[in-house]
């Protein structure tokens, strides 16, 4: 854990400073919202409220509290940037970008396979037909295509289709 009640300085934590109250040795915020990080607590307080954060921290086991505070701080930052979708909007945007890059990778692999076949003087009826049935299978959201040229791949779209998600996707 980053901070401990015994090792912290005598100054108030960022939470107690913002709330204008005296910081006690048993303050639940002190180990996680140090006095040199006032904006971190201000954002979390603005989105979740001090009472809710206090309740969350008391319900979470002590060894998980720092991760909890970091998650709350990340979500608060995302909510302040995008009040409607928060971090879900950022995640969906990244997933869409990942699907686009996987599509580009599949196209590049298919073109590379065709180029390699042409340079190795293979007969177009056997090896190009095999290489044309290129399969790109990735763990999450990978593309699989068989018997299609690279120009036909785009008609199938992405497996990670987020068009139903009401977030305005922009690269």
N, C-alpha and C. Protein backbone atom coordinates (compact mmCIF):
# COMPACT_ATOMS: atom_id res chain seq x y z
N UNK A 1 0.85 -1.18 0.00
CA UNK A 1 0.00 0.00 0.00
C UNK A 1 0.88 1.23 0.00
N UNK A 2 0.47 2.27 -0.66
CA UNK A 2 1.28 3.45 -0.84
C UNK A 2 1.48 4.19 0.48
N UNK A 3 0.41 4.48 1.18
CA UNK A 3 0.52 5.25 2.42
C UNK A 3 0.00 4.48 3.59
N UNK A 4 0.45 4.83 4.72
CA UNK A 4 -0.01 4.18 5.95
C UNK A 4 -0.26 5.29 6.95
N UNK A 5 -1.15 5.09 7.88
CA UNK A 5 -1.49 6.14 8.83
C UNK A 5 -0.28 6.56 9.66
N UNK A 6 0.62 5.64 9.95
CA UNK A 6 1.77 5.95 10.78
C UNK A 6 2.81 6.78 10.06
N UNK A 7 2.94 6.60 8.75
CA UNK A 7 4.01 7.26 8.02
C UNK A 7 3.60 8.57 7.37
N UNK A 8 2.36 8.94 7.41
CA UNK A 8 1.97 10.17 6.73
C UNK A 8 2.33 11.40 7.57
N UNK A 9 2.48 12.48 6.89
CA UNK A 9 2.86 13.72 7.57
C UNK A 9 1.69 14.25 8.39
N UNK A 10 1.95 15.28 9.14
CA UNK A 10 0.93 15.82 10.02
C UNK A 10 -0.12 16.64 9.27
N UNK A 11 0.09 16.93 7.99
CA UNK A 11 -0.88 17.72 7.24
C UNK A 11 -2.12 16.88 6.91
N UNK A 12 -3.18 17.56 6.62
CA UNK A 12 -4.43 16.90 6.28
C UNK A 12 -4.34 16.25 4.91
N UNK A 13 -5.12 15.20 4.71
CA UNK A 13 -5.18 14.56 3.39
C UNK A 13 -5.96 15.47 2.44
N UNK A 14 -5.92 15.16 1.17
CA UNK A 14 -6.60 15.98 0.17
C UNK A 14 -8.10 16.01 0.40
N UNK A 15 -8.66 14.90 0.87
CA UNK A 15 -10.10 14.84 1.11
C UNK A 15 -10.50 15.76 2.25
N UNK A 16 -9.77 15.71 3.34
CA UNK A 16 -10.12 16.55 4.49
C UNK A 16 -9.89 18.03 4.19
N UNK A 17 -8.89 18.32 3.38
CA UNK A 17 -8.67 19.72 2.98
C UNK A 17 -9.84 20.23 2.16
N UNK A 18 -10.28 19.44 1.20
CA UNK A 18 -11.39 19.86 0.34
C UNK A 18 -12.68 19.97 1.15
N UNK A 19 -12.89 19.03 2.05
CA UNK A 19 -14.11 19.03 2.86
C UNK A 19 -14.03 19.98 4.05
N UNK A 20 -12.86 20.60 4.21
CA UNK A 20 -12.60 21.57 5.29
C UNK A 20 -12.93 20.98 6.65
N UNK A 21 -12.33 19.83 6.90
CA UNK A 21 -12.50 19.21 8.21
C UNK A 21 -11.14 18.75 8.71
N UNK A 22 -11.08 18.45 9.98
CA UNK A 22 -9.83 18.01 10.59
C UNK A 22 -9.57 16.55 10.22
N UNK A 23 -8.36 16.27 9.79
CA UNK A 23 -7.99 14.92 9.39
C UNK A 23 -7.53 14.14 10.63
N UNK A 24 -8.22 13.07 10.91
CA UNK A 24 -7.89 12.25 12.09
C UNK A 24 -6.93 11.13 11.69
N UNK A 25 -6.27 10.52 12.66
CA UNK A 25 -5.37 9.39 12.35
C UNK A 25 -6.11 8.20 11.74
N UNK A 26 -7.40 8.10 11.95
CA UNK A 26 -8.17 6.98 11.39
C UNK A 26 -8.93 7.36 10.12
N UNK A 27 -8.57 8.47 9.52
CA UNK A 27 -9.24 8.94 8.30
C UNK A 27 -9.11 7.88 7.20
N UNK A 28 -10.22 7.48 6.65
CA UNK A 28 -10.22 6.44 5.62
C UNK A 28 -9.66 6.94 4.29
N UNK A 29 -9.69 8.25 4.08
CA UNK A 29 -9.21 8.81 2.82
C UNK A 29 -7.69 9.03 2.80
N UNK A 30 -7.09 9.24 3.96
CA UNK A 30 -5.69 9.67 4.06
C UNK A 30 -4.69 8.78 3.30
N UNK A 31 -4.75 7.47 3.38
CA UNK A 31 -3.74 6.68 2.67
C UNK A 31 -3.87 6.73 1.15
N UNK A 32 -5.03 7.13 0.64
CA UNK A 32 -5.30 7.03 -0.79
C UNK A 32 -5.41 8.39 -1.49
N UNK A 33 -5.70 9.42 -0.74
CA UNK A 33 -5.80 10.78 -1.29
C UNK A 33 -4.83 11.66 -0.52
N UNK A 34 -3.56 11.59 -0.91
CA UNK A 34 -2.52 12.35 -0.21
C UNK A 34 -2.71 13.84 -0.41
N UNK A 35 -2.11 14.62 0.46
CA UNK A 35 -2.27 16.07 0.40
C UNK A 35 -1.66 16.68 -0.86
N UNK A 36 -0.71 15.98 -1.49
CA UNK A 36 -0.11 16.53 -2.70
C UNK A 36 -0.89 16.17 -3.98
N UNK A 37 -2.06 15.53 -3.83
CA UNK A 37 -2.92 15.19 -4.96
C UNK A 37 -4.34 15.72 -4.76
N UNK A 38 -4.49 17.03 -4.64
CA UNK A 38 -5.83 17.56 -4.34
C UNK A 38 -6.83 17.38 -5.48
N UNK A 39 -6.37 17.41 -6.72
CA UNK A 39 -7.30 17.29 -7.86
C UNK A 39 -7.89 15.89 -7.96
N UNK A 40 -7.13 14.90 -7.54
CA UNK A 40 -7.60 13.52 -7.60
C UNK A 40 -8.87 13.36 -6.76
N UNK A 41 -8.83 13.82 -5.52
CA UNK A 41 -10.03 13.70 -4.68
C UNK A 41 -11.13 14.65 -5.15
N UNK A 42 -10.77 15.82 -5.63
CA UNK A 42 -11.79 16.77 -6.08
C UNK A 42 -12.64 16.17 -7.20
N UNK A 43 -11.99 15.48 -8.14
CA UNK A 43 -12.73 14.85 -9.23
C UNK A 43 -13.60 13.70 -8.74
N UNK A 44 -13.04 12.87 -7.87
CA UNK A 44 -13.81 11.74 -7.33
C UNK A 44 -14.98 12.25 -6.51
N UNK A 45 -14.76 13.28 -5.72
CA UNK A 45 -15.83 13.86 -4.90
C UNK A 45 -16.92 14.48 -5.77
N UNK A 46 -16.54 15.13 -6.84
CA UNK A 46 -17.52 15.78 -7.72
C UNK A 46 -18.43 14.75 -8.38
N UNK A 47 -17.88 13.60 -8.75
CA UNK A 47 -18.67 12.59 -9.45
C UNK A 47 -19.42 11.68 -8.48
N UNK A 48 -18.73 11.19 -7.45
CA UNK A 48 -19.33 10.18 -6.57
C UNK A 48 -19.80 10.72 -5.22
N UNK A 49 -19.20 11.78 -4.73
CA UNK A 49 -19.53 12.30 -3.42
C UNK A 49 -18.69 11.63 -2.34
N UNK A 50 -18.30 12.39 -1.34
CA UNK A 50 -17.42 11.89 -0.28
C UNK A 50 -18.07 10.77 0.51
N UNK A 51 -19.35 10.89 0.78
CA UNK A 51 -20.05 9.87 1.56
C UNK A 51 -20.06 8.53 0.84
N UNK A 52 -20.35 8.55 -0.44
CA UNK A 52 -20.36 7.30 -1.22
C UNK A 52 -18.97 6.68 -1.32
N UNK A 53 -17.95 7.51 -1.52
CA UNK A 53 -16.58 6.99 -1.59
C UNK A 53 -16.19 6.38 -0.26
N UNK A 54 -16.57 7.03 0.83
CA UNK A 54 -16.29 6.49 2.17
C UNK A 54 -16.97 5.14 2.37
N UNK A 55 -18.21 5.01 1.94
CA UNK A 55 -18.93 3.74 2.05
C UNK A 55 -18.26 2.65 1.21
N UNK A 56 -17.86 3.01 0.01
CA UNK A 56 -17.20 2.04 -0.87
C UNK A 56 -15.90 1.56 -0.24
N UNK A 57 -15.11 2.49 0.27
CA UNK A 57 -13.82 2.12 0.86
C UNK A 57 -13.97 1.26 2.11
N UNK A 58 -15.00 1.50 2.89
CA UNK A 58 -15.18 0.67 4.09
C UNK A 58 -15.66 -0.73 3.74
N UNK A 59 -16.36 -0.88 2.62
CA UNK A 59 -16.85 -2.20 2.21
C UNK A 59 -15.80 -3.04 1.50
N UNK A 60 -14.77 -2.40 0.96
CA UNK A 60 -13.73 -3.10 0.20
C UNK A 60 -12.63 -3.55 1.17
N UNK A 61 -12.11 -4.76 0.99
CA UNK A 61 -10.98 -5.20 1.83
C UNK A 61 -9.79 -4.25 1.68
N UNK A 62 -9.06 -4.07 2.75
CA UNK A 62 -7.98 -3.08 2.77
C UNK A 62 -6.93 -3.29 1.68
N UNK A 63 -6.64 -4.55 1.34
CA UNK A 63 -5.63 -4.80 0.31
C UNK A 63 -6.11 -4.43 -1.10
N UNK A 64 -7.40 -4.19 -1.27
CA UNK A 64 -7.95 -3.81 -2.58
C UNK A 64 -8.33 -2.34 -2.66
N UNK A 65 -8.15 -1.61 -1.60
CA UNK A 65 -8.60 -0.22 -1.57
C UNK A 65 -7.84 0.70 -2.53
N UNK A 66 -6.55 0.50 -2.64
CA UNK A 66 -5.78 1.37 -3.54
C UNK A 66 -6.23 1.18 -4.99
N UNK A 67 -6.46 -0.07 -5.39
CA UNK A 67 -6.98 -0.32 -6.74
C UNK A 67 -8.37 0.27 -6.91
N UNK A 68 -9.17 0.19 -5.86
CA UNK A 68 -10.52 0.76 -5.90
C UNK A 68 -10.46 2.27 -6.09
N UNK A 69 -9.58 2.93 -5.35
CA UNK A 69 -9.44 4.38 -5.47
C UNK A 69 -8.95 4.76 -6.86
N UNK A 70 -8.01 3.98 -7.39
CA UNK A 70 -7.52 4.27 -8.75
C UNK A 70 -8.63 4.10 -9.78
N UNK A 71 -9.48 3.09 -9.59
CA UNK A 71 -10.61 2.89 -10.50
C UNK A 71 -11.61 4.03 -10.39
N UNK A 72 -11.89 4.44 -9.16
CA UNK A 72 -12.81 5.57 -8.96
C UNK A 72 -12.26 6.84 -9.59
N UNK A 73 -10.96 7.06 -9.45
CA UNK A 73 -10.34 8.26 -10.03
C UNK A 73 -10.40 8.21 -11.55
N UNK A 74 -10.17 7.04 -12.14
CA UNK A 74 -10.23 6.90 -13.60
C UNK A 74 -11.66 7.13 -14.09
N UNK A 75 -12.62 6.52 -13.43
CA UNK A 75 -14.02 6.69 -13.84
C UNK A 75 -14.46 8.13 -13.66
N UNK A 76 -14.04 8.78 -12.58
CA UNK A 76 -14.40 10.18 -12.36
C UNK A 76 -13.83 11.06 -13.46
N UNK A 77 -12.57 10.82 -13.83
CA UNK A 77 -11.95 11.58 -14.91
C UNK A 77 -12.72 11.38 -16.22
N UNK A 78 -13.08 10.14 -16.51
CA UNK A 78 -13.82 9.84 -17.73
C UNK A 78 -15.22 10.46 -17.70
N UNK A 79 -15.88 10.42 -16.55
CA UNK A 79 -17.23 11.02 -16.42
C UNK A 79 -17.20 12.52 -16.60
N UNK A 80 -16.13 13.15 -16.11
CA UNK A 80 -16.04 14.60 -16.27
C UNK A 80 -15.78 14.98 -17.73
N UNK A 81 -15.03 14.13 -18.45
CA UNK A 81 -14.81 14.37 -19.87
C UNK A 81 -16.03 14.04 -20.71
N UNK A 82 -16.71 12.96 -20.36
CA UNK A 82 -17.88 12.50 -21.10
C UNK A 82 -18.96 12.10 -20.10
N UNK A 83 -19.83 13.04 -19.72
CA UNK A 83 -20.81 12.78 -18.66
C UNK A 83 -21.82 11.67 -18.99
N UNK A 84 -22.06 11.39 -20.24
CA UNK A 84 -23.06 10.40 -20.62
C UNK A 84 -22.50 8.98 -20.54
N UNK A 85 -21.37 8.75 -21.20
CA UNK A 85 -20.84 7.39 -21.31
C UNK A 85 -19.66 7.09 -20.40
N UNK A 86 -18.96 8.08 -19.94
CA UNK A 86 -17.83 7.85 -19.05
C UNK A 86 -16.78 6.97 -19.70
N UNK A 87 -16.25 6.03 -18.91
CA UNK A 87 -15.18 5.19 -19.45
C UNK A 87 -15.71 4.15 -20.44
N UNK A 88 -16.99 3.85 -20.41
CA UNK A 88 -17.56 2.91 -21.38
C UNK A 88 -17.43 3.47 -22.80
N UNK A 89 -17.61 4.76 -22.95
CA UNK A 89 -17.44 5.38 -24.26
C UNK A 89 -16.01 5.26 -24.75
N UNK A 90 -15.05 5.45 -23.85
CA UNK A 90 -13.64 5.32 -24.23
C UNK A 90 -13.31 3.88 -24.59
N UNK A 91 -13.84 2.93 -23.83
CA UNK A 91 -13.60 1.52 -24.11
C UNK A 91 -14.19 1.13 -25.46
N UNK A 92 -15.41 1.56 -25.73
CA UNK A 92 -16.05 1.24 -27.00
C UNK A 92 -15.29 1.85 -28.17
N UNK A 93 -14.79 3.06 -27.98
CA UNK A 93 -14.01 3.70 -29.03
C UNK A 93 -12.72 2.92 -29.30
N UNK A 94 -12.07 2.46 -28.25
CA UNK A 94 -10.85 1.67 -28.42
C UNK A 94 -11.13 0.32 -29.05
N UNK A 95 -12.25 -0.30 -28.71
CA UNK A 95 -12.61 -1.57 -29.32
C UNK A 95 -12.91 -1.41 -30.80
N UNK A 96 -13.54 -0.33 -31.17
CA UNK A 96 -13.81 -0.06 -32.58
C UNK A 96 -12.50 0.14 -33.33
N UNK A 97 -11.59 0.87 -32.74
CA UNK A 97 -10.29 1.09 -33.36
C UNK A 97 -9.54 -0.23 -33.50
N UNK A 98 -9.63 -1.10 -32.48
CA UNK A 98 -8.98 -2.40 -32.53
C UNK A 98 -9.56 -3.25 -33.67
N UNK A 99 -10.86 -3.22 -33.84
CA UNK A 99 -11.49 -3.98 -34.92
C UNK A 99 -11.04 -3.46 -36.28
N UNK A 100 -10.93 -2.15 -36.42
CA UNK A 100 -10.44 -1.58 -37.68
C UNK A 100 -9.00 -2.02 -37.95
N UNK A 101 -8.17 -2.02 -36.93
CA UNK A 101 -6.78 -2.44 -37.10
C UNK A 101 -6.67 -3.92 -37.41
N UNK A 102 -7.54 -4.74 -36.81
CA UNK A 102 -7.55 -6.17 -37.12
C UNK A 102 -7.96 -6.40 -38.57
N UNK A 103 -8.91 -5.62 -39.03
CA UNK A 103 -9.34 -5.70 -40.43
C UNK A 103 -8.19 -5.33 -41.35
N UNK A 104 -7.49 -4.24 -41.04
CA UNK A 104 -6.34 -3.82 -41.84
C UNK A 104 -5.25 -4.89 -41.83
N UNK A 105 -5.03 -5.52 -40.68
CA UNK A 105 -4.04 -6.59 -40.58
C UNK A 105 -4.42 -7.78 -41.45
N UNK A 106 -5.70 -8.14 -41.44
CA UNK A 106 -6.18 -9.26 -42.27
C UNK A 106 -5.97 -8.95 -43.75
N UNK A 107 -6.26 -7.72 -44.15
CA UNK A 107 -6.04 -7.33 -45.54
C UNK A 107 -4.55 -7.39 -45.89
N UNK A 108 -3.72 -6.91 -45.01
CA UNK A 108 -2.28 -6.91 -45.27
C UNK A 108 -1.75 -8.33 -45.36
N UNK A 109 -2.21 -9.23 -44.50
CA UNK A 109 -1.77 -10.62 -44.55
C UNK A 109 -2.21 -11.30 -45.84
N UNK A 110 -3.42 -11.01 -46.27
CA UNK A 110 -3.91 -11.60 -47.53
C UNK A 110 -3.10 -11.08 -48.71
N UNK A 111 -2.80 -9.80 -48.74
CA UNK A 111 -2.00 -9.24 -49.82
C UNK A 111 -0.57 -9.78 -49.79
N UNK A 112 -0.03 -9.91 -48.60
CA UNK A 112 1.32 -10.45 -48.46
C UNK A 112 1.38 -11.91 -48.92
N UNK A 113 0.36 -12.66 -48.60
CA UNK A 113 0.31 -14.05 -49.03
C UNK A 113 0.24 -14.15 -50.54
N UNK A 114 -0.56 -13.29 -51.15
CA UNK A 114 -0.66 -13.28 -52.61
C UNK A 114 0.66 -12.86 -53.25
N UNK A 115 1.30 -11.88 -52.67
CA UNK A 115 2.58 -11.41 -53.19
C UNK A 115 3.64 -12.49 -53.05
N UNK A 116 3.67 -13.17 -51.90
CA UNK A 116 4.64 -14.25 -51.69
C UNK A 116 4.41 -15.38 -52.68
N UNK A 117 3.17 -15.70 -52.96
CA UNK A 117 2.85 -16.77 -53.90
C UNK A 117 3.27 -16.39 -55.31
N UNK A 118 3.08 -15.15 -55.68
CA UNK A 118 3.46 -14.71 -57.03
C UNK A 118 4.98 -14.71 -57.18
N UNK A 119 5.70 -14.36 -56.13
CA UNK A 119 7.16 -14.32 -56.20
C UNK A 119 7.80 -15.70 -56.12
N UNK A 120 7.13 -16.67 -55.58
CA UNK A 120 7.67 -18.02 -55.48
C UNK A 120 7.32 -18.87 -56.69
N UNK A 121 6.74 -18.25 -57.72
CA UNK A 121 6.41 -18.93 -58.97
C UNK A 121 5.52 -20.16 -58.77
N UNK A 122 4.61 -20.08 -57.83
CA UNK A 122 3.65 -21.17 -57.66
C UNK A 122 2.58 -21.03 -58.73
N UNK A 123 1.98 -22.12 -59.07
CA UNK A 123 0.89 -22.04 -60.04
C UNK A 123 -0.29 -21.36 -59.38
N UNK A 124 -0.94 -20.50 -60.10
CA UNK A 124 -2.03 -19.73 -59.52
C UNK A 124 -3.24 -20.60 -59.21
N UNK A 125 -3.37 -21.73 -59.85
CA UNK A 125 -4.56 -22.55 -59.60
C UNK A 125 -4.49 -23.29 -58.28
N UNK A 126 -3.30 -23.62 -57.78
CA UNK A 126 -3.22 -24.39 -56.54
C UNK A 126 -2.86 -23.52 -55.35
N UNK A 127 -1.69 -22.90 -55.37
CA UNK A 127 -1.24 -22.20 -54.16
C UNK A 127 -2.00 -20.91 -53.91
N UNK A 128 -2.31 -20.16 -54.97
CA UNK A 128 -3.04 -18.92 -54.75
C UNK A 128 -4.43 -19.22 -54.21
N UNK A 129 -5.02 -20.32 -54.67
CA UNK A 129 -6.32 -20.70 -54.13
C UNK A 129 -6.23 -21.03 -52.65
N UNK A 130 -5.14 -21.69 -52.24
CA UNK A 130 -4.95 -22.00 -50.82
C UNK A 130 -4.69 -20.73 -50.03
N UNK A 131 -3.81 -19.86 -50.57
CA UNK A 131 -3.49 -18.63 -49.86
C UNK A 131 -4.66 -17.66 -49.85
N UNK A 132 -5.52 -17.75 -50.84
CA UNK A 132 -6.69 -16.89 -50.87
C UNK A 132 -7.65 -17.22 -49.74
N UNK A 133 -7.63 -18.47 -49.28
CA UNK A 133 -8.48 -18.89 -48.17
C UNK A 133 -7.80 -18.62 -46.83
N UNK A 134 -7.14 -17.49 -46.76
CA UNK A 134 -6.40 -17.10 -45.57
C UNK A 134 -7.37 -16.91 -44.40
N UNK A 135 -6.98 -17.40 -43.24
CA UNK A 135 -7.82 -17.27 -42.05
C UNK A 135 -7.02 -16.55 -40.99
N UNK A 136 -7.55 -15.47 -40.50
CA UNK A 136 -6.95 -14.75 -39.39
C UNK A 136 -7.89 -14.92 -38.22
N UNK A 137 -7.47 -15.67 -37.23
CA UNK A 137 -8.34 -15.94 -36.09
C UNK A 137 -7.64 -15.46 -34.84
N UNK A 138 -8.09 -14.33 -34.31
CA UNK A 138 -7.50 -13.76 -33.11
C UNK A 138 -8.39 -14.06 -31.92
N UNK A 139 -7.83 -13.98 -30.73
CA UNK A 139 -8.54 -14.38 -29.53
C UNK A 139 -9.86 -13.65 -29.36
N UNK A 140 -9.85 -12.34 -29.54
CA UNK A 140 -11.05 -11.55 -29.33
C UNK A 140 -11.34 -10.70 -30.54
N UNK A 141 -12.47 -10.92 -31.15
CA UNK A 141 -12.91 -10.06 -32.24
C UNK A 141 -12.12 -10.22 -33.51
N UNK A 142 -11.47 -11.37 -33.73
CA UNK A 142 -10.68 -11.58 -34.94
C UNK A 142 -11.56 -11.80 -36.15
N UNK A 143 -11.00 -11.62 -37.30
CA UNK A 143 -11.73 -11.80 -38.54
C UNK A 143 -11.43 -13.17 -39.10
N UNK A 144 -12.39 -13.81 -39.66
CA UNK A 144 -12.18 -15.05 -40.37
C UNK A 144 -12.84 -14.90 -41.73
N UNK A 145 -12.11 -15.16 -42.78
CA UNK A 145 -12.70 -15.11 -44.10
C UNK A 145 -12.11 -16.26 -44.89
N UNK A 146 -12.90 -16.75 -45.79
CA UNK A 146 -12.47 -17.92 -46.55
C UNK A 146 -12.98 -17.80 -47.97
N UNK A 147 -12.08 -17.93 -48.94
CA UNK A 147 -12.48 -17.90 -50.33
C UNK A 147 -12.86 -16.54 -50.84
N UNK A 148 -12.51 -15.48 -50.14
CA UNK A 148 -12.88 -14.15 -50.56
C UNK A 148 -11.62 -13.37 -50.90
N UNK A 149 -11.72 -12.49 -51.86
CA UNK A 149 -10.59 -11.61 -52.15
C UNK A 149 -10.57 -10.50 -51.11
N UNK A 150 -9.45 -9.80 -51.03
CA UNK A 150 -9.33 -8.75 -50.02
C UNK A 150 -10.34 -7.63 -50.26
N UNK A 151 -10.78 -7.46 -51.49
CA UNK A 151 -11.77 -6.43 -51.77
C UNK A 151 -13.15 -6.81 -51.24
N UNK A 152 -13.41 -8.13 -51.14
CA UNK A 152 -14.70 -8.59 -50.66
C UNK A 152 -14.79 -8.65 -49.15
N UNK A 153 -13.67 -8.56 -48.46
CA UNK A 153 -13.67 -8.70 -47.01
C UNK A 153 -14.48 -7.60 -46.34
N UNK A 154 -14.40 -6.39 -46.85
CA UNK A 154 -15.06 -5.26 -46.20
C UNK A 154 -16.57 -5.41 -46.16
N UNK A 155 -17.16 -6.22 -47.04
CA UNK A 155 -18.62 -6.38 -47.01
C UNK A 155 -19.09 -7.11 -45.76
N UNK A 156 -18.18 -7.86 -45.10
CA UNK A 156 -18.58 -8.58 -43.90
C UNK A 156 -18.48 -7.72 -42.65
N UNK A 157 -17.79 -6.61 -42.73
CA UNK A 157 -17.69 -5.73 -41.59
C UNK A 157 -16.83 -6.32 -40.49
N UNK A 158 -17.07 -5.90 -39.27
CA UNK A 158 -16.27 -6.31 -38.13
C UNK A 158 -17.07 -7.26 -37.26
N UNK A 159 -16.36 -8.16 -36.57
CA UNK A 159 -17.04 -8.98 -35.57
C UNK A 159 -17.36 -8.14 -34.34
N UNK A 160 -16.56 -7.14 -34.07
CA UNK A 160 -16.81 -6.23 -32.96
C UNK A 160 -17.63 -5.07 -33.53
N UNK A 161 -18.88 -5.28 -33.72
CA UNK A 161 -19.75 -4.26 -34.31
C UNK A 161 -20.40 -3.45 -33.21
N UNK A 162 -20.05 -2.17 -33.11
CA UNK A 162 -20.60 -1.32 -32.07
C UNK A 162 -21.53 -0.26 -32.65
N UNK A 163 -22.07 -0.53 -33.83
CA UNK A 163 -22.96 0.46 -34.43
C UNK A 163 -24.26 0.60 -33.65
N UNK A 164 -24.62 -0.45 -32.89
CA UNK A 164 -25.83 -0.37 -32.08
C UNK A 164 -25.61 0.46 -30.82
N UNK A 165 -24.34 0.71 -30.47
CA UNK A 165 -24.02 1.49 -29.28
C UNK A 165 -24.19 2.95 -29.60
N UNK A 166 -24.92 3.70 -28.82
CA UNK A 166 -25.27 5.08 -29.19
C UNK A 166 -24.16 6.09 -28.96
N UNK A 167 -22.90 5.68 -28.96
CA UNK A 167 -21.79 6.61 -28.75
C UNK A 167 -21.28 7.09 -30.11
N UNK A 168 -21.05 8.37 -30.25
CA UNK A 168 -20.57 8.89 -31.54
C UNK A 168 -19.10 8.53 -31.74
N UNK A 169 -18.84 7.50 -32.54
CA UNK A 169 -17.48 7.04 -32.76
C UNK A 169 -16.76 7.94 -33.73
N UNK A 170 -15.61 8.39 -33.32
CA UNK A 170 -14.76 9.18 -34.19
C UNK A 170 -13.33 8.77 -33.93
N UNK A 171 -12.60 8.51 -34.98
CA UNK A 171 -11.19 8.11 -34.83
C UNK A 171 -10.33 9.31 -34.57
